[in-house]
Amino acid sequence: AVGGDLPTKTTLFGNAPNPFNPMTEIKFRVGVDSQVTLGVYDVKGRLVRHLDQGTLAAGDHSAFWNGLDNSGRTLPSGTYFCRVEGAGSSKSVKMMLVR
């Protein structure tokens, strides 16, 4: 391959459906095999749900979020942010939970 045909950074495509209730699928791509962290944050920047962490192979991946926090408690309607970090980059998207 000449000039790097595939992107080497991590890309976050977003979630669907959005707004959602009770579950949404978050799609992302890892450009190269790397350590990846995927989490959901509230509007104050606090981690409310840890979705995935570990070494992922390059390619497309998805994770699901059911509107619960790390303790299994139901979170209220509102704006949340999904952030993926990996391969030297960090991306985030806004998600709307509607109860």
PDB file of N, CA and C in Angstrom:
ATOM      1  N   ALA A   1       0.853  -1.189   0.000  1.00  0.00           N
ATOM      2  CA  ALA A   1       0.000   0.000   0.000  1.00  0.00           C
ATOM      3  C   ALA A   1       0.884   1.232   0.000  1.00  0.00           C
ATOM      4  N   VAL A   2       0.530   2.174  -0.818  1.00  0.00           N
ATOM      5  CA  VAL A   2       1.299   3.405  -0.942  1.00  0.00           C
ATOM      6  C   VAL A   2       0.577   4.528  -0.213  1.00  0.00           C
ATOM      7  N   GLY A   3       1.298   5.257   0.627  1.00  0.00           N
ATOM      8  CA  GLY A   3       0.737   6.435   1.265  1.00  0.00           C
ATOM      9  C   GLY A   3      -0.327   6.164   2.306  1.00  0.00           C
ATOM     10  N   GLY A   4      -0.412   4.981   2.828  1.00  0.00           N
ATOM     11  CA  GLY A   4      -1.367   4.709   3.894  1.00  0.00           C
ATOM     12  C   GLY A   4      -2.802   4.752   3.425  1.00  0.00           C
ATOM     13  N   ASP A   5      -3.268   3.716   2.818  1.00  0.00           N
ATOM     14  CA  ASP A   5      -4.626   3.678   2.295  1.00  0.00           C
ATOM     15  C   ASP A   5      -5.685   3.709   3.392  1.00  0.00           C
ATOM     16  N   LEU A   6      -5.365   3.147   4.557  1.00  0.00           N
ATOM     17  CA  LEU A   6      -6.324   3.099   5.645  1.00  0.00           C
ATOM     18  C   LEU A   6      -5.978   4.138   6.698  1.00  0.00           C
ATOM     19  N   PRO A   7      -7.005   4.786   7.282  1.00  0.00           N
ATOM     20  CA  PRO A   7      -6.712   5.750   8.343  1.00  0.00           C
ATOM     21  C   PRO A   7      -6.130   5.034   9.561  1.00  0.00           C
ATOM     22  N   THR A   8      -5.163   5.676  10.224  1.00  0.00           N
ATOM     23  CA  THR A   8      -4.526   5.053  11.376  1.00  0.00           C
ATOM     24  C   THR A   8      -5.124   5.556  12.684  1.00  0.00           C
ATOM     25  N   LYS A   9      -5.956   6.559  12.636  1.00  0.00           N
ATOM     26  CA  LYS A   9      -6.563   7.102  13.844  1.00  0.00           C
ATOM     27  C   LYS A   9      -7.871   6.381  14.149  1.00  0.00           C
ATOM     28  N   THR A  10      -8.327   6.567  15.370  1.00  0.00           N
ATOM     29  CA  THR A  10      -9.606   6.017  15.790  1.00  0.00           C
ATOM     30  C   THR A  10     -10.709   6.990  15.395  1.00  0.00           C
ATOM     31  N   THR A  11     -11.792   6.462  14.848  1.00  0.00           N
ATOM     32  CA  THR A  11     -12.920   7.269  14.394  1.00  0.00           C
ATOM     33  C   THR A  11     -14.174   6.834  15.128  1.00  0.00           C
ATOM     34  N   LEU A  12     -14.974   7.799  15.553  1.00  0.00           N
ATOM     35  CA  LEU A  12     -16.241   7.521  16.212  1.00  0.00           C
ATOM     36  C   LEU A  12     -17.353   7.962  15.274  1.00  0.00           C
ATOM     37  N   PHE A  13     -18.160   7.007  14.826  1.00  0.00           N
ATOM     38  CA  PHE A  13     -19.211   7.320  13.848  1.00  0.00           C
ATOM     39  C   PHE A  13     -20.472   7.860  14.493  1.00  0.00           C
ATOM     40  N   GLY A  14     -20.653   7.597  15.778  1.00  0.00           N
ATOM     41  CA  GLY A  14     -21.850   8.057  16.460  1.00  0.00           C
ATOM     42  C   GLY A  14     -22.695   6.894  16.919  1.00  0.00           C
ATOM     43  N   ASN A  15     -23.907   7.224  17.313  1.00  0.00           N
ATOM     44  CA  ASN A  15     -24.800   6.196  17.841  1.00  0.00           C
ATOM     45  C   ASN A  15     -26.142   6.241  17.122  1.00  0.00           C
ATOM     46  N   ALA A  16     -26.807   5.110  17.111  1.00  0.00           N
ATOM     47  CA  ALA A  16     -28.127   5.020  16.494  1.00  0.00           C
ATOM     48  C   ALA A  16     -28.946   3.996  17.277  1.00  0.00           C
ATOM     49  N   PRO A  17     -30.193   4.285  17.562  1.00  0.00           N
ATOM     50  CA  PRO A  17     -30.840   5.564  17.256  1.00  0.00           C
ATOM     51  C   PRO A  17     -30.360   6.672  18.190  1.00  0.00           C
ATOM     52  N   ASN A  18     -30.610   7.908  17.796  1.00  0.00           N
ATOM     53  CA  ASN A  18     -30.284   9.077  18.609  1.00  0.00           C
ATOM     54  C   ASN A  18     -31.277  10.174  18.279  1.00  0.00           C
ATOM     55  N   PRO A  19     -32.153  10.567  19.188  1.00  0.00           N
ATOM     56  CA  PRO A  19     -32.266  10.154  20.583  1.00  0.00           C
ATOM     57  C   PRO A  19     -32.684   8.688  20.720  1.00  0.00           C
ATOM     58  N   PHE A  20     -32.456   8.142  21.931  1.00  0.00           N
ATOM     59  CA  PHE A  20     -32.740   6.724  22.125  1.00  0.00           C
ATOM     60  C   PHE A  20     -33.432   6.444  23.457  1.00  0.00           C
ATOM     61  N   ASN A  21     -34.090   5.317  23.499  1.00  0.00           N
ATOM     62  CA  ASN A  21     -34.688   4.737  24.696  1.00  0.00           C
ATOM     63  C   ASN A  21     -35.189   3.362  24.290  1.00  0.00           C
ATOM     64  N   PRO A  22     -34.762   2.283  24.828  1.00  0.00           N
ATOM     65  CA  PRO A  22     -33.879   2.200  25.997  1.00  0.00           C
ATOM     66  C   PRO A  22     -32.422   1.915  25.652  1.00  0.00           C
ATOM     67  N   MET A  23     -32.101   1.660  24.361  1.00  0.00           N
ATOM     68  CA  MET A  23     -30.740   1.233  24.021  1.00  0.00           C
ATOM     69  C   MET A  23     -30.281   1.899  22.728  1.00  0.00           C
ATOM     70  N   THR A  24     -28.965   2.096  22.635  1.00  0.00           N
ATOM     71  CA  THR A  24     -28.375   2.647  21.428  1.00  0.00           C
ATOM     72  C   THR A  24     -27.097   1.887  21.090  1.00  0.00           C
ATOM     73  N   GLU A  25     -26.767   1.853  19.811  1.00  0.00           N
ATOM     74  CA  GLU A  25     -25.535   1.206  19.340  1.00  0.00           C
ATOM     75  C   GLU A  25     -24.541   2.280  18.952  1.00  0.00           C
ATOM     76  N   ILE A  26     -23.326   2.159  19.466  1.00  0.00           N
ATOM     77  CA  ILE A  26     -22.251   3.113  19.201  1.00  0.00           C
ATOM     78  C   ILE A  26     -21.255   2.434  18.268  1.00  0.00           C
ATOM     79  N   LYS A  27     -21.013   3.063  17.118  1.00  0.00           N
ATOM     80  CA  LYS A  27     -20.115   2.471  16.124  1.00  0.00           C
ATOM     81  C   LYS A  27     -18.832   3.289  16.031  1.00  0.00           C
ATOM     82  N   PHE A  28     -17.713   2.556  15.951  1.00  0.00           N
ATOM     83  CA  PHE A  28     -16.419   3.220  15.843  1.00  0.00           C
ATOM     84  C   PHE A  28     -15.451   2.348  15.060  1.00  0.00           C
ATOM     85  N   ARG A  29     -14.388   2.978  14.590  1.00  0.00           N
ATOM     86  CA  ARG A  29     -13.349   2.271  13.826  1.00  0.00           C
ATOM     87  C   ARG A  29     -12.002   2.520  14.478  1.00  0.00           C
ATOM     88  N   VAL A  30     -11.241   1.453  14.604  1.00  0.00           N
ATOM     89  CA  VAL A  30      -9.872   1.525  15.113  1.00  0.00           C
ATOM     90  C   VAL A  30      -8.954   1.408  13.905  1.00  0.00           C
ATOM     91  N   GLY A  31      -8.091   2.412  13.706  1.00  0.00           N
ATOM     92  CA  GLY A  31      -7.243   2.442  12.523  1.00  0.00           C
ATOM     93  C   GLY A  31      -6.118   1.421  12.541  1.00  0.00           C
ATOM     94  N   VAL A  32      -5.557   1.180  13.716  1.00  0.00           N
ATOM     95  CA  VAL A  32      -4.490   0.193  13.886  1.00  0.00           C
ATOM     96  C   VAL A  32      -4.751  -0.556  15.187  1.00  0.00           C
ATOM     97  N   ASP A  33      -4.250  -1.780  15.290  1.00  0.00           N
ATOM     98  CA  ASP A  33      -4.392  -2.524  16.541  1.00  0.00           C
ATOM     99  C   ASP A  33      -3.891  -1.636  17.681  1.00  0.00           C
ATOM    100  N   SER A  34      -4.736  -1.409  18.691  1.00  0.00           N
ATOM    101  CA  SER A  34      -4.321  -0.521  19.775  1.00  0.00           C
ATOM    102  C   SER A  34      -5.199  -0.705  21.004  1.00  0.00           C
ATOM    103  N   GLN A  35      -4.712  -0.144  22.098  1.00  0.00           N
ATOM    104  CA  GLN A  35      -5.466  -0.097  23.338  1.00  0.00           C
ATOM    105  C   GLN A  35      -6.576   0.937  23.157  1.00  0.00           C
ATOM    106  N   VAL A  36      -7.818   0.559  23.451  1.00  0.00           N
ATOM    107  CA  VAL A  36      -8.962   1.442  23.243  1.00  0.00           C
ATOM    108  C   VAL A  36      -9.784   1.514  24.525  1.00  0.00           C
ATOM    109  N   THR A  37     -10.265   2.717  24.845  1.00  0.00           N
ATOM    110  CA  THR A  37     -11.175   2.932  25.958  1.00  0.00           C
ATOM    111  C   THR A  37     -12.425   3.611  25.409  1.00  0.00           C
ATOM    112  N   LEU A  38     -13.598   3.095  25.788  1.00  0.00           N
ATOM    113  CA  LEU A  38     -14.875   3.646  25.340  1.00  0.00           C
ATOM    114  C   LEU A  38     -15.734   3.884  26.570  1.00  0.00           C
ATOM    115  N   GLY A  39     -16.203   5.120  26.736  1.00  0.00           N
ATOM    116  CA  GLY A  39     -17.002   5.445  27.907  1.00  0.00           C
ATOM    117  C   GLY A  39     -18.078   6.461  27.611  1.00  0.00           C
ATOM    118  N   VAL A  40     -19.047   6.541  28.542  1.00  0.00           N
ATOM    119  CA  VAL A  40     -20.143   7.507  28.457  1.00  0.00           C
ATOM    120  C   VAL A  40     -19.975   8.502  29.604  1.00  0.00           C
ATOM    121  N   TYR A  41     -20.098   9.785  29.286  1.00  0.00           N
ATOM    122  CA  TYR A  41     -19.883  10.867  30.239  1.00  0.00           C
ATOM    123  C   TYR A  41     -21.116  11.753  30.305  1.00  0.00           C
ATOM    124  N   ASP A  42     -21.355  12.330  31.495  1.00  0.00           N
ATOM    125  CA  ASP A  42     -22.461  13.276  31.617  1.00  0.00           C
ATOM    126  C   ASP A  42     -21.997  14.661  31.163  1.00  0.00           C
ATOM    127  N   VAL A  43     -22.899  15.656  31.224  1.00  0.00           N
ATOM    128  CA  VAL A  43     -22.564  16.993  30.721  1.00  0.00           C
ATOM    129  C   VAL A  43     -21.497  17.688  31.572  1.00  0.00           C
ATOM    130  N   LYS A  44     -21.254  17.188  32.781  1.00  0.00           N
ATOM    131  CA  LYS A  44     -20.203  17.754  33.635  1.00  0.00           C
ATOM    132  C   LYS A  44     -18.863  17.052  33.428  1.00  0.00           C
ATOM    133  N   GLY A  45     -18.827  16.089  32.496  1.00  0.00           N
ATOM    134  CA  GLY A  45     -17.583  15.403  32.182  1.00  0.00           C
ATOM    135  C   GLY A  45     -17.274  14.209  33.064  1.00  0.00           C
ATOM    136  N   ARG A  46     -18.222  13.798  33.899  1.00  0.00           N
ATOM    137  CA  ARG A  46     -18.009  12.647  34.772  1.00  0.00           C
ATOM    138  C   ARG A  46     -18.312  11.352  34.020  1.00  0.00           C
ATOM    139  N   LEU A  47     -17.431  10.375  34.184  1.00  0.00           N
ATOM    140  CA  LEU A  47     -17.668   9.056  33.597  1.00  0.00           C
ATOM    141  C   LEU A  47     -18.857   8.423  34.309  1.00  0.00           C
ATOM    142  N   VAL A  48     -19.902   8.082  33.551  1.00  0.00           N
ATOM    143  CA  VAL A  48     -21.070   7.432  34.149  1.00  0.00           C
ATOM    144  C   VAL A  48     -21.149   5.958  33.779  1.00  0.00           C
ATOM    145  N   ARG A  49     -20.567   5.584  32.627  1.00  0.00           N
ATOM    146  CA  ARG A  49     -20.601   4.182  32.219  1.00  0.00           C
ATOM    147  C   ARG A  49     -19.355   3.851  31.417  1.00  0.00           C
ATOM    148  N   HIS A  50     -18.653   2.843  31.872  1.00  0.00           N
ATOM    149  CA  HIS A  50     -17.488   2.323  31.165  1.00  0.00           C
ATOM    150  C   HIS A  50     -17.998   1.220  30.231  1.00  0.00           C
ATOM    151  N   LEU A  51     -17.795   1.366  28.932  1.00  0.00           N
ATOM    152  CA  LEU A  51     -18.339   0.393  27.975  1.00  0.00           C
ATOM    153  C   LEU A  51     -17.326  -0.638  27.501  1.00  0.00           C
ATOM    154  N   ASP A  52     -16.107  -0.220  27.261  1.00  0.00           N
ATOM    155  CA  ASP A  52     -15.135  -1.158  26.702  1.00  0.00           C
ATOM    156  C   ASP A  52     -13.730  -0.649  26.971  1.00  0.00           C
ATOM    157  N   GLN A  53     -12.825  -1.576  27.196  1.00  0.00           N
ATOM    158  CA  GLN A  53     -11.413  -1.232  27.326  1.00  0.00           C
ATOM    159  C   GLN A  53     -10.608  -2.475  27.005  1.00  0.00           C
ATOM    160  N   GLY A  54      -9.551  -2.263  26.272  1.00  0.00           N
ATOM    161  CA  GLY A  54      -8.687  -3.375  25.939  1.00  0.00           C
ATOM    162  C   GLY A  54      -8.062  -3.170  24.576  1.00  0.00           C
ATOM    163  N   THR A  55      -7.304  -4.146  24.149  1.00  0.00           N
ATOM    164  CA  THR A  55      -6.665  -4.078  22.841  1.00  0.00           C
ATOM    165  C   THR A  55      -7.653  -4.572  21.794  1.00  0.00           C
ATOM    166  N   LEU A  56      -7.923  -3.726  20.829  1.00  0.00           N
ATOM    167  CA  LEU A  56      -8.833  -4.076  19.736  1.00  0.00           C
ATOM    168  C   LEU A  56      -8.061  -4.111  18.430  1.00  0.00           C
ATOM    169  N   ALA A  57      -8.458  -5.017  17.562  1.00  0.00           N
ATOM    170  CA  ALA A  57      -7.860  -5.115  16.235  1.00  0.00           C
ATOM    171  C   ALA A  57      -8.345  -3.960  15.371  1.00  0.00           C
ATOM    172  N   ALA A  58      -7.538  -3.587  14.407  1.00  0.00           N
ATOM    173  CA  ALA A  58      -7.943  -2.560  13.453  1.00  0.00           C
ATOM    174  C   ALA A  58      -9.230  -3.002  12.765  1.00  0.00           C
ATOM    175  N   GLY A  59     -10.126  -2.052  12.561  1.00  0.00           N
ATOM    176  CA  GLY A  59     -11.382  -2.355  11.885  1.00  0.00           C
ATOM    177  C   GLY A  59     -12.566  -1.735  12.590  1.00  0.00           C
ATOM    178  N   ASP A  60     -13.761  -2.100  12.130  1.00  0.00           N
ATOM    179  CA  ASP A  60     -15.000  -1.543  12.667  1.00  0.00           C
ATOM    180  C   ASP A  60     -15.466  -2.331  13.887  1.00  0.00           C
ATOM    181  N   HIS A  61     -15.967  -1.602  14.872  1.00  0.00           N
ATOM    182  CA  HIS A  61     -16.451  -2.190  16.119  1.00  0.00           C
ATOM    183  C   HIS A  61     -17.734  -1.480  16.533  1.00  0.00           C
ATOM    184  N   SER A  62     -18.482  -2.105  17.446  1.00  0.00           N
ATOM    185  CA  SER A  62     -19.646  -1.440  18.006  1.00  0.00           C
ATOM    186  C   SER A  62     -19.829  -1.873  19.450  1.00  0.00           C
ATOM    187  N   ALA A  63     -20.500  -1.013  20.200  1.00  0.00           N
ATOM    188  CA  ALA A  63     -20.832  -1.288  21.597  1.00  0.00           C
ATOM    189  C   ALA A  63     -22.256  -0.798  21.816  1.00  0.00           C
ATOM    190  N   PHE A  64     -22.908  -1.347  22.813  1.00  0.00           N
ATOM    191  CA  PHE A  64     -24.282  -0.961  23.118  1.00  0.00           C
ATOM    192  C   PHE A  64     -24.341  -0.315  24.491  1.00  0.00           C
ATOM    193  N   TRP A  65     -25.217   0.697  24.632  1.00  0.00           N
ATOM    194  CA  TRP A  65     -25.445   1.332  25.923  1.00  0.00           C
ATOM    195  C   TRP A  65     -26.932   1.351  26.202  1.00  0.00           C
ATOM    196  N   ASN A  66     -27.294   0.917  27.407  1.00  0.00           N
ATOM    197  CA  ASN A  66     -28.693   0.775  27.781  1.00  0.00           C
ATOM    198  C   ASN A  66     -29.187   1.857  28.735  1.00  0.00           C
ATOM    199  N   GLY A  67     -28.445   2.960  28.856  1.00  0.00           N
ATOM    200  CA  GLY A  67     -28.886   4.062  29.699  1.00  0.00           C
ATOM    201  C   GLY A  67     -28.667   3.846  31.184  1.00  0.00           C
ATOM    202  N   LEU A  68     -27.856   2.844  31.541  1.00  0.00           N
ATOM    203  CA  LEU A  68     -27.555   2.577  32.945  1.00  0.00           C
ATOM    204  C   LEU A  68     -26.143   3.046  33.271  1.00  0.00           C
ATOM    205  N   ASP A  69     -25.928   3.388  34.553  1.00  0.00           N
ATOM    206  CA  ASP A  69     -24.580   3.767  34.958  1.00  0.00           C
ATOM    207  C   ASP A  69     -23.776   2.522  35.347  1.00  0.00           C
ATOM    208  N   ASN A  70     -22.559   2.727  35.831  1.00  0.00           N
ATOM    209  CA  ASN A  70     -21.690   1.593  36.172  1.00  0.00           C
ATOM    210  C   ASN A  70     -22.244   0.737  37.307  1.00  0.00           C
ATOM    211  N   SER A  71     -23.139   1.294  38.120  1.00  0.00           N
ATOM    212  CA  SER A  71     -23.739   0.553  39.234  1.00  0.00           C
ATOM    213  C   SER A  71     -25.064  -0.101  38.855  1.00  0.00           C
ATOM    214  N   GLY A  72     -25.478   0.054  37.592  1.00  0.00           N
ATOM    215  CA  GLY A  72     -26.726  -0.541  37.142  1.00  0.00           C
ATOM    216  C   GLY A  72     -27.948   0.321  37.407  1.00  0.00           C
ATOM    217  N   ARG A  73     -27.725   1.564  37.830  1.00  0.00           N
ATOM    218  CA  ARG A  73     -28.843   2.477  38.085  1.00  0.00           C
ATOM    219  C   ARG A  73     -29.282   3.146  36.784  1.00  0.00           C
ATOM    220  N   THR A  74     -30.580   3.383  36.665  1.00  0.00           N
ATOM    221  CA  THR A  74     -31.141   4.059  35.498  1.00  0.00           C
ATOM    222  C   THR A  74     -30.772   5.535  35.541  1.00  0.00           C
ATOM    223  N   LEU A  75     -30.188   6.026  34.459  1.00  0.00           N
ATOM    224  CA  LEU A  75     -29.832   7.442  34.366  1.00  0.00           C
ATOM    225  C   LEU A  75     -31.025   8.234  33.829  1.00  0.00           C
ATOM    226  N   PRO A  76     -31.137   9.497  34.216  1.00  0.00           N
ATOM    227  CA  PRO A  76     -32.266  10.308  33.752  1.00  0.00           C
ATOM    228  C   PRO A  76     -32.114  10.731  32.289  1.00  0.00           C
ATOM    229  N   SER A  77     -33.216  11.178  31.722  1.00  0.00           N
ATOM    230  CA  SER A  77     -33.172  11.751  30.372  1.00  0.00           C
ATOM    231  C   SER A  77     -32.152  12.875  30.353  1.00  0.00           C
ATOM    232  N   GLY A  78     -31.518  13.054  29.210  1.00  0.00           N
ATOM    233  CA  GLY A  78     -30.567  14.150  29.092  1.00  0.00           C
ATOM    234  C   GLY A  78     -29.524  13.908  28.029  1.00  0.00           C
ATOM    235  N   THR A  79     -28.567  14.802  28.004  1.00  0.00           N
ATOM    236  CA  THR A  79     -27.466  14.748  27.051  1.00  0.00           C
ATOM    237  C   THR A  79     -26.286  14.030  27.690  1.00  0.00           C
ATOM    238  N   TYR A  80     -25.730  13.094  26.944  1.00  0.00           N
ATOM    239  CA  TYR A  80     -24.540  12.355  27.374  1.00  0.00           C
ATOM    240  C   TYR A  80     -23.545  12.364  26.223  1.00  0.00           C
ATOM    241  N   PHE A  81     -22.301  12.111  26.533  1.00  0.00           N
ATOM    242  CA  PHE A  81     -21.262  12.083  25.516  1.00  0.00           C
ATOM    243  C   PHE A  81     -20.560  10.738  25.549  1.00  0.00           C
ATOM    244  N   CYS A  82     -20.373  10.169  24.373  1.00  0.00           N
ATOM    245  CA  CYS A  82     -19.594   8.944  24.243  1.00  0.00           C
ATOM    246  C   CYS A  82     -18.218   9.359  23.755  1.00  0.00           C
ATOM    247  N   ARG A  83     -17.172   8.841  24.416  1.00  0.00           N
ATOM    248  CA  ARG A  83     -15.805   9.157  23.999  1.00  0.00           C
ATOM    249  C   ARG A  83     -15.028   7.872  23.803  1.00  0.00           C
ATOM    250  N   VAL A  84     -14.346   7.810  22.673  1.00  0.00           N
ATOM    251  CA  VAL A  84     -13.455   6.687  22.390  1.00  0.00           C
ATOM    252  C   VAL A  84     -12.040   7.248  22.306  1.00  0.00           C
ATOM    253  N   GLU A  85     -11.113   6.535  22.949  1.00  0.00           N
ATOM    254  CA  GLU A  85      -9.702   6.914  22.923  1.00  0.00           C
ATOM    255  C   GLU A  85      -8.897   5.719  22.469  1.00  0.00           C
ATOM    256  N   GLY A  86      -8.018   5.942  21.498  1.00  0.00           N
ATOM    257  CA  GLY A  86      -7.170   4.869  21.018  1.00  0.00           C
ATOM    258  C   GLY A  86      -6.345   5.316  19.837  1.00  0.00           C
ATOM    259  N   ALA A  87      -5.247   4.627  19.605  1.00  0.00           N
ATOM    260  CA  ALA A  87      -4.339   4.917  18.481  1.00  0.00           C
ATOM    261  C   ALA A  87      -3.927   6.386  18.473  1.00  0.00           C
ATOM    262  N   GLY A  88      -3.742   6.961  19.670  1.00  0.00           N
ATOM    263  CA  GLY A  88      -3.250   8.326  19.769  1.00  0.00           C
ATOM    264  C   GLY A  88      -4.277   9.398  19.494  1.00  0.00           C
ATOM    265  N   SER A  89      -5.568   9.055  19.485  1.00  0.00           N
ATOM    266  CA  SER A  89      -6.582  10.071  19.251  1.00  0.00           C
ATOM    267  C   SER A  89      -7.768   9.853  20.180  1.00  0.00           C
ATOM    268  N   SER A  90      -8.581  10.896  20.308  1.00  0.00           N
ATOM    269  CA  SER A  90      -9.778  10.852  21.133  1.00  0.00           C
ATOM    270  C   SER A  90     -10.899  11.545  20.377  1.00  0.00           C
ATOM    271  N   LYS A  91     -12.053  10.897  20.316  1.00  0.00           N
ATOM    272  CA  LYS A  91     -13.208  11.461  19.618  1.00  0.00           C
ATOM    273  C   LYS A  91     -14.425  11.322  20.513  1.00  0.00           C
ATOM    274  N   SER A  92     -15.364  12.263  20.409  1.00  0.00           N
ATOM    275  CA  SER A  92     -16.588  12.157  21.186  1.00  0.00           C
ATOM    276  C   SER A  92     -17.791  12.587  20.353  1.00  0.00           C
ATOM    277  N   VAL A  93     -18.957  12.053  20.742  1.00  0.00           N
ATOM    278  CA  VAL A  93     -20.225  12.414  20.096  1.00  0.00           C
ATOM    279  C   VAL A  93     -21.277  12.619  21.176  1.00  0.00           C
ATOM    280  N   LYS A  94     -22.253  13.461  20.845  1.00  0.00           N
ATOM    281  CA  LYS A  94     -23.345  13.741  21.761  1.00  0.00           C
ATOM    282  C   LYS A  94     -24.471  12.742  21.547  1.00  0.00           C
ATOM    283  N   MET A  95     -25.031  12.245  22.669  1.00  0.00           N
ATOM    284  CA  MET A  95     -26.149  11.296  22.607  1.00  0.00           C
ATOM    285  C   MET A  95     -27.282  11.853  23.474  1.00  0.00           C
ATOM    286  N   MET A  96     -28.513  11.613  23.048  1.00  0.00           N
ATOM    287  CA  MET A  96     -29.679  12.071  23.797  1.00  0.00           C
ATOM    288  C   MET A  96     -30.471  10.874  24.305  1.00  0.00           C
ATOM    289  N   LEU A  97     -30.550  10.746  25.622  1.00  0.00           N
ATOM    290  CA  LEU A  97     -31.352   9.707  26.264  1.00  0.00           C
ATOM    291  C   LEU A  97     -32.704  10.313  26.617  1.00  0.00           C
ATOM    292  N   VAL A  98     -33.780   9.713  26.118  1.00  0.00           N
ATOM    293  CA  VAL A  98     -35.132  10.216  26.369  1.00  0.00           C
ATOM    294  C   VAL A  98     -35.931   9.129  27.050  1.00  0.00           C
ATOM    295  N   ARG A  99     -36.338   9.375  28.289  1.00  0.00           N
ATOM    296  CA  ARG A  99     -37.112   8.396  29.056  1.00  0.00           C
ATOM    297  C   ARG A  99     -38.595   8.592  28.816  1.00  0.00           C
TER     298      ARG A  99
END
